[in-house]
Amino acid sequence: MIAIFKFGIKNKKVKELRKNQGLTARELAQLVKLDTIDILKIDDMKVKDLSGPLKTKVMPILSGNYMNKIPY
């Protein structure tokens, strides 16, 4: 079931997934450790069109998997 969910994520835009997680561009940039302007540049791109290293940084956050690694 997770594979089906990730397949649907790749066809969506970064901005849509970012908004679904309730993140601003600045917050996403801080989590990924990039500049805000870099996030704004990729906001209108689909996830499948992102470069490899950038996709590996952004995908766990946009899919919500980063929440599992927060130490309490």
PDB file of N, CA and C in Angstrom:
ATOM      1  N   MET A   1       0.818  -1.189   0.000  1.00  0.00           N
ATOM      2  CA  MET A   1       0.000   0.000   0.000  1.00  0.00           C
ATOM      3  C   MET A   1       0.864   1.256   0.000  1.00  0.00           C
ATOM      4  N   ILE A   2       2.028   1.200   0.639  1.00  0.00           N
ATOM      5  CA  ILE A   2       2.929   2.348   0.667  1.00  0.00           C
ATOM      6  C   ILE A   2       3.457   2.650  -0.726  1.00  0.00           C
ATOM      7  N   ALA A   3       3.719   1.616  -1.523  1.00  0.00           N
ATOM      8  CA  ALA A   3       4.228   1.836  -2.876  1.00  0.00           C
ATOM      9  C   ALA A   3       3.203   2.597  -3.720  1.00  0.00           C
ATOM     10  N   ILE A   4       1.944   2.306  -3.547  1.00  0.00           N
ATOM     11  CA  ILE A   4       0.900   3.020  -4.284  1.00  0.00           C
ATOM     12  C   ILE A   4       0.862   4.479  -3.849  1.00  0.00           C
ATOM     13  N   PHE A   5       1.031   4.713  -2.568  1.00  0.00           N
ATOM     14  CA  PHE A   5       1.017   6.080  -2.048  1.00  0.00           C
ATOM     15  C   PHE A   5       2.188   6.882  -2.600  1.00  0.00           C
ATOM     16  N   LYS A   6       3.383   6.293  -2.639  1.00  0.00           N
ATOM     17  CA  LYS A   6       4.549   7.005  -3.159  1.00  0.00           C
ATOM     18  C   LYS A   6       4.428   7.245  -4.660  1.00  0.00           C
ATOM     19  N   PHE A   7       3.756   6.352  -5.380  1.00  0.00           N
ATOM     20  CA  PHE A   7       3.570   6.561  -6.808  1.00  0.00           C
ATOM     21  C   PHE A   7       2.710   7.790  -7.052  1.00  0.00           C
ATOM     22  N   GLY A   8       1.700   8.004  -6.224  1.00  0.00           N
ATOM     23  CA  GLY A   8       0.838   9.164  -6.357  1.00  0.00           C
ATOM     24  C   GLY A   8       1.541  10.448  -5.987  1.00  0.00           C
ATOM     25  N   ILE A   9       2.514  10.374  -5.087  1.00  0.00           N
ATOM     26  CA  ILE A   9       3.252  11.561  -4.669  1.00  0.00           C
ATOM     27  C   ILE A   9       4.122  12.088  -5.801  1.00  0.00           C
ATOM     28  N   LYS A  10       4.697  11.221  -6.580  1.00  0.00           N
ATOM     29  CA  LYS A  10       5.636  11.647  -7.616  1.00  0.00           C
ATOM     30  C   LYS A  10       4.972  12.477  -8.709  1.00  0.00           C
ATOM     31  N   ASN A  11       3.686  12.358  -8.891  1.00  0.00           N
ATOM     32  CA  ASN A  11       2.997  13.120  -9.927  1.00  0.00           C
ATOM     33  C   ASN A  11       2.454  14.452  -9.428  1.00  0.00           C
ATOM     34  N   LYS A  12       2.637  14.748  -8.149  1.00  0.00           N
ATOM     35  CA  LYS A  12       2.126  15.999  -7.594  1.00  0.00           C
ATOM     36  C   LYS A  12       3.230  17.043  -7.538  1.00  0.00           C
ATOM     37  N   LYS A  13       2.808  18.302  -7.448  1.00  0.00           N
ATOM     38  CA  LYS A  13       3.768  19.392  -7.358  1.00  0.00           C
ATOM     39  C   LYS A  13       4.273  19.533  -5.930  1.00  0.00           C
ATOM     40  N   VAL A  14       5.488  20.049  -5.813  1.00  0.00           N
ATOM     41  CA  VAL A  14       6.118  20.231  -4.509  1.00  0.00           C
ATOM     42  C   VAL A  14       5.277  21.165  -3.645  1.00  0.00           C
ATOM     43  N   LYS A  15       4.747  22.212  -4.228  1.00  0.00           N
ATOM     44  CA  LYS A  15       3.953  23.185  -3.470  1.00  0.00           C
ATOM     45  C   LYS A  15       2.718  22.536  -2.860  1.00  0.00           C
ATOM     46  N   GLU A  16       2.056  21.693  -3.622  1.00  0.00           N
ATOM     47  CA  GLU A  16       0.850  21.023  -3.125  1.00  0.00           C
ATOM     48  C   GLU A  16       1.178  20.106  -1.953  1.00  0.00           C
ATOM     49  N   LEU A  17       2.254  19.337  -2.067  1.00  0.00           N
ATOM     50  CA  LEU A  17       2.645  18.433  -0.985  1.00  0.00           C
ATOM     51  C   LEU A  17       3.127  19.206   0.231  1.00  0.00           C
ATOM     52  N   ARG A  18       3.807  20.313  -0.005  1.00  0.00           N
ATOM     53  CA  ARG A  18       4.284  21.155   1.090  1.00  0.00           C
ATOM     54  C   ARG A  18       3.113  21.733   1.863  1.00  0.00           C
ATOM     55  N   LYS A  19       2.099  22.194   1.161  1.00  0.00           N
ATOM     56  CA  LYS A  19       0.901  22.752   1.803  1.00  0.00           C
ATOM     57  C   LYS A  19       0.127  21.664   2.552  1.00  0.00           C
ATOM     58  N   ASN A  20       0.105  20.441   2.011  1.00  0.00           N
ATOM     59  CA  ASN A  20      -0.577  19.338   2.696  1.00  0.00           C
ATOM     60  C   ASN A  20       0.078  19.017   4.035  1.00  0.00           C
ATOM     61  N   GLN A  21       1.379  19.209   4.126  1.00  0.00           N
ATOM     62  CA  GLN A  21       2.100  18.978   5.377  1.00  0.00           C
ATOM     63  C   GLN A  21       2.015  20.181   6.312  1.00  0.00           C
ATOM     64  N   GLY A  22       1.467  21.292   5.820  1.00  0.00           N
ATOM     65  CA  GLY A  22       1.329  22.481   6.641  1.00  0.00           C
ATOM     66  C   GLY A  22       2.626  23.245   6.800  1.00  0.00           C
ATOM     67  N   LEU A  23       3.497  23.163   5.811  1.00  0.00           N
ATOM     68  CA  LEU A  23       4.800  23.810   5.873  1.00  0.00           C
ATOM     69  C   LEU A  23       4.857  25.018   4.950  1.00  0.00           C
ATOM     70  N   THR A  24       5.549  26.051   5.390  1.00  0.00           N
ATOM     71  CA  THR A  24       5.844  27.175   4.507  1.00  0.00           C
ATOM     72  C   THR A  24       7.144  26.863   3.779  1.00  0.00           C
ATOM     73  N   ALA A  25       7.471  27.672   2.785  1.00  0.00           N
ATOM     74  CA  ALA A  25       8.712  27.467   2.045  1.00  0.00           C
ATOM     75  C   ALA A  25       9.914  27.634   2.969  1.00  0.00           C
ATOM     76  N   ARG A  26       9.821  28.566   3.882  1.00  0.00           N
ATOM     77  CA  ARG A  26      10.928  28.797   4.827  1.00  0.00           C
ATOM     78  C   ARG A  26      11.115  27.595   5.752  1.00  0.00           C
ATOM     79  N   GLU A  27      10.027  27.036   6.245  1.00  0.00           N
ATOM     80  CA  GLU A  27      10.123  25.888   7.145  1.00  0.00           C
ATOM     81  C   GLU A  27      10.698  24.668   6.433  1.00  0.00           C
ATOM     82  N   LEU A  28      10.248  24.436   5.196  1.00  0.00           N
ATOM     83  CA  LEU A  28      10.778  23.320   4.415  1.00  0.00           C
ATOM     84  C   LEU A  28      12.260  23.523   4.139  1.00  0.00           C
ATOM     85  N   ALA A  29      12.655  24.741   3.834  1.00  0.00           N
ATOM     86  CA  ALA A  29      14.066  25.041   3.576  1.00  0.00           C
ATOM     87  C   ALA A  29      14.907  24.785   4.816  1.00  0.00           C
ATOM     88  N   GLN A  30      14.395  25.116   5.991  1.00  0.00           N
ATOM     89  CA  GLN A  30      15.134  24.869   7.220  1.00  0.00           C
ATOM     90  C   GLN A  30      15.266  23.377   7.504  1.00  0.00           C
ATOM     91  N   LEU A  31      14.219  22.604   7.228  1.00  0.00           N
ATOM     92  CA  LEU A  31      14.276  21.166   7.455  1.00  0.00           C
ATOM     93  C   LEU A  31      15.249  20.482   6.501  1.00  0.00           C
ATOM     94  N   VAL A  32      15.294  20.971   5.258  1.00  0.00           N
ATOM     95  CA  VAL A  32      16.156  20.371   4.239  1.00  0.00           C
ATOM     96  C   VAL A  32      17.556  20.990   4.257  1.00  0.00           C
ATOM     97  N   LYS A  33      17.708  22.098   4.976  1.00  0.00           N
ATOM     98  CA  LYS A  33      18.966  22.845   5.073  1.00  0.00           C
ATOM     99  C   LYS A  33      19.374  23.429   3.720  1.00  0.00           C
ATOM    100  N   LEU A  34      18.412  24.112   3.095  1.00  0.00           N
ATOM    101  CA  LEU A  34      18.631  24.847   1.851  1.00  0.00           C
ATOM    102  C   LEU A  34      18.168  26.286   2.056  1.00  0.00           C
ATOM    103  N   ASP A  35      18.414  27.124   1.055  1.00  0.00           N
ATOM    104  CA  ASP A  35      17.901  28.487   1.083  1.00  0.00           C
ATOM    105  C   ASP A  35      16.429  28.474   0.678  1.00  0.00           C
ATOM    106  N   THR A  36      15.687  29.442   1.174  1.00  0.00           N
ATOM    107  CA  THR A  36      14.262  29.545   0.851  1.00  0.00           C
ATOM    108  C   THR A  36      14.054  29.751  -0.639  1.00  0.00           C
ATOM    109  N   ILE A  37      14.944  30.495  -1.277  1.00  0.00           N
ATOM    110  CA  ILE A  37      14.799  30.757  -2.708  1.00  0.00           C
ATOM    111  C   ILE A  37      14.905  29.471  -3.526  1.00  0.00           C
ATOM    112  N   ASP A  38      15.706  28.506  -3.059  1.00  0.00           N
ATOM    113  CA  ASP A  38      15.814  27.224  -3.755  1.00  0.00           C
ATOM    114  C   ASP A  38      14.503  26.451  -3.695  1.00  0.00           C
ATOM    115  N   ILE A  39      13.822  26.525  -2.569  1.00  0.00           N
ATOM    116  CA  ILE A  39      12.519  25.856  -2.433  1.00  0.00           C
ATOM    117  C   ILE A  39      11.488  26.539  -3.324  1.00  0.00           C
ATOM    118  N   LEU A  40      11.526  27.862  -3.374  1.00  0.00           N
ATOM    119  CA  LEU A  40      10.575  28.586  -4.219  1.00  0.00           C
ATOM    120  C   LEU A  40      10.800  28.285  -5.702  1.00  0.00           C
ATOM    121  N   LYS A  41      12.040  27.993  -6.087  1.00  0.00           N
ATOM    122  CA  LYS A  41      12.329  27.653  -7.484  1.00  0.00           C
ATOM    123  C   LYS A  41      11.720  26.306  -7.871  1.00  0.00           C
ATOM    124  N   ILE A  42      11.698  25.364  -6.931  1.00  0.00           N
ATOM    125  CA  ILE A  42      11.178  24.029  -7.252  1.00  0.00           C
ATOM    126  C   ILE A  42       9.716  23.869  -6.889  1.00  0.00           C
ATOM    127  N   ASP A  43       9.094  24.899  -6.341  1.00  0.00           N
ATOM    128  CA  ASP A  43       7.701  24.814  -5.882  1.00  0.00           C
ATOM    129  C   ASP A  43       6.730  24.392  -6.979  1.00  0.00           C
ATOM    130  N   ASP A  44       6.932  24.851  -8.198  1.00  0.00           N
ATOM    131  CA  ASP A  44       5.994  24.538  -9.276  1.00  0.00           C
ATOM    132  C   ASP A  44       6.416  23.323 -10.095  1.00  0.00           C
ATOM    133  N   MET A  45       7.409  22.587  -9.624  1.00  0.00           N
ATOM    134  CA  MET A  45       7.862  21.380 -10.323  1.00  0.00           C
ATOM    135  C   MET A  45       7.206  20.148  -9.711  1.00  0.00           C
ATOM    136  N   LYS A  46       7.029  19.130 -10.531  1.00  0.00           N
ATOM    137  CA  LYS A  46       6.550  17.854 -10.019  1.00  0.00           C
ATOM    138  C   LYS A  46       7.718  17.134  -9.361  1.00  0.00           C
ATOM    139  N   VAL A  47       7.425  16.293  -8.396  1.00  0.00           N
ATOM    140  CA  VAL A  47       8.464  15.597  -7.649  1.00  0.00           C
ATOM    141  C   VAL A  47       9.289  14.710  -8.567  1.00  0.00           C
ATOM    142  N   LYS A  48       8.669  14.091  -9.558  1.00  0.00           N
ATOM    143  CA  LYS A  48       9.409  13.210 -10.460  1.00  0.00           C
ATOM    144  C   LYS A  48      10.398  13.975 -11.335  1.00  0.00           C
ATOM    145  N   ASP A  49      10.237  15.294 -11.467  1.00  0.00           N
ATOM    146  CA  ASP A  49      11.137  16.098 -12.280  1.00  0.00           C
ATOM    147  C   ASP A  49      12.324  16.655 -11.496  1.00  0.00           C
ATOM    148  N   LEU A  50      12.372  16.435 -10.191  1.00  0.00           N
ATOM    149  CA  LEU A  50      13.474  16.934  -9.367  1.00  0.00           C
ATOM    150  C   LEU A  50      14.730  16.106  -9.598  1.00  0.00           C
ATOM    151  N   SER A  51      15.887  16.718  -9.349  1.00  0.00           N
ATOM    152  CA  SER A  51      17.144  15.988  -9.469  1.00  0.00           C
ATOM    153  C   SER A  51      17.258  14.979  -8.328  1.00  0.00           C
ATOM    154  N   GLY A  52      18.110  14.000  -8.500  1.00  0.00           N
ATOM    155  CA  GLY A  52      18.250  12.911  -7.536  1.00  0.00           C
ATOM    156  C   GLY A  52      18.580  13.338  -6.119  1.00  0.00           C
ATOM    157  N   PRO A  53      19.661  14.110  -5.898  1.00  0.00           N
ATOM    158  CA  PRO A  53      20.003  14.484  -4.522  1.00  0.00           C
ATOM    159  C   PRO A  53      18.937  15.350  -3.854  1.00  0.00           C
ATOM    160  N   LEU A  54      18.345  16.238  -4.621  1.00  0.00           N
ATOM    161  CA  LEU A  54      17.303  17.105  -4.063  1.00  0.00           C
ATOM    162  C   LEU A  54      16.061  16.294  -3.728  1.00  0.00           C
ATOM    163  N   LYS A  55      15.743  15.342  -4.572  1.00  0.00           N
ATOM    164  CA  LYS A  55      14.565  14.499  -4.339  1.00  0.00           C
ATOM    165  C   LYS A  55      14.735  13.672  -3.067  1.00  0.00           C
ATOM    166  N   THR A  56      15.940  13.160  -2.820  1.00  0.00           N
ATOM    167  CA  THR A  56      16.158  12.354  -1.620  1.00  0.00           C
ATOM    168  C   THR A  56      16.083  13.195  -0.353  1.00  0.00           C
ATOM    169  N   LYS A  57      16.387  14.482  -0.424  1.00  0.00           N
ATOM    170  CA  LYS A  57      16.264  15.359   0.734  1.00  0.00           C
ATOM    171  C   LYS A  57      14.814  15.740   1.007  1.00  0.00           C
ATOM    172  N   VAL A  58      14.053  15.979  -0.051  1.00  0.00           N
ATOM    173  CA  VAL A  58      12.710  16.535   0.073  1.00  0.00           C
ATOM    174  C   VAL A  58      11.630  15.470   0.282  1.00  0.00           C
ATOM    175  N   MET A  59      11.786  14.314  -0.307  1.00  0.00           N
ATOM    176  CA  MET A  59      10.731  13.292  -0.276  1.00  0.00           C
ATOM    177  C   MET A  59      10.311  12.850   1.132  1.00  0.00           C
ATOM    178  N   PRO A  60      11.243  12.579   2.066  1.00  0.00           N
ATOM    179  CA  PRO A  60      10.770  12.160   3.397  1.00  0.00           C
ATOM    180  C   PRO A  60       9.939  13.230   4.100  1.00  0.00           C
ATOM    181  N   ILE A  61      10.257  14.477   3.859  1.00  0.00           N
ATOM    182  CA  ILE A  61       9.520  15.555   4.514  1.00  0.00           C
ATOM    183  C   ILE A  61       8.155  15.727   3.878  1.00  0.00           C
ATOM    184  N   LEU A  62       8.098  15.684   2.552  1.00  0.00           N
ATOM    185  CA  LEU A  62       6.822  15.880   1.863  1.00  0.00           C
ATOM    186  C   LEU A  62       5.866  14.709   2.073  1.00  0.00           C
ATOM    187  N   SER A  63       6.406  13.520   2.311  1.00  0.00           N
ATOM    188  CA  SER A  63       5.529  12.371   2.546  1.00  0.00           C
ATOM    189  C   SER A  63       5.189  12.200   4.022  1.00  0.00           C
ATOM    190  N   GLY A  64       5.833  12.984   4.908  1.00  0.00           N
ATOM    191  CA  GLY A  64       5.521  12.925   6.326  1.00  0.00           C
ATOM    192  C   GLY A  64       6.339  11.919   7.102  1.00  0.00           C
ATOM    193  N   ASN A  65       7.314  11.273   6.476  1.00  0.00           N
ATOM    194  CA  ASN A  65       8.108  10.249   7.157  1.00  0.00           C
ATOM    195  C   ASN A  65       9.136  10.827   8.117  1.00  0.00           C
ATOM    196  N   TYR A  66       9.439  12.099   8.020  1.00  0.00           N
ATOM    197  CA  TYR A  66      10.436  12.697   8.903  1.00  0.00           C
ATOM    198  C   TYR A  66       9.927  12.781  10.339  1.00  0.00           C
ATOM    199  N   MET A  67       8.623  12.734  10.541  1.00  0.00           N
ATOM    200  CA  MET A  67       8.048  12.837  11.877  1.00  0.00           C
ATOM    201  C   MET A  67       8.380  11.602  12.727  1.00  0.00           C
ATOM    202  N   ASN A  68       8.671  10.472  12.090  1.00  0.00           N
ATOM    203  CA  ASN A  68       8.967   9.251  12.828  1.00  0.00           C
ATOM    204  C   ASN A  68      10.339   9.294  13.495  1.00  0.00           C
ATOM    205  N   LYS A  69      11.213  10.208  13.068  1.00  0.00           N
ATOM    206  CA  LYS A  69      12.587  10.232  13.559  1.00  0.00           C
ATOM    207  C   LYS A  69      12.827  11.345  14.583  1.00  0.00           C
ATOM    208  N   ILE A  70      11.805  11.969  15.080  1.00  0.00           N
ATOM    209  CA  ILE A  70      11.964  13.037  16.052  1.00  0.00           C
ATOM    210  C   ILE A  70      12.193  12.422  17.433  1.00  0.00           C
ATOM    211  N   PRO A  71      13.309  12.782  18.094  1.00  0.00           N
ATOM    212  CA  PRO A  71      13.532  12.256  19.444  1.00  0.00           C
ATOM    213  C   PRO A  71      12.664  13.003  20.466  1.00  0.00           C
ATOM    214  N   TYR A  72      12.071  12.283  21.363  1.00  0.00           N
ATOM    215  CA  TYR A  72      11.196  12.898  22.355  1.00  0.00           C
ATOM    216  C   TYR A  72      11.893  13.105  23.658  1.00  0.00           C
TER     217      TYR A  72
END
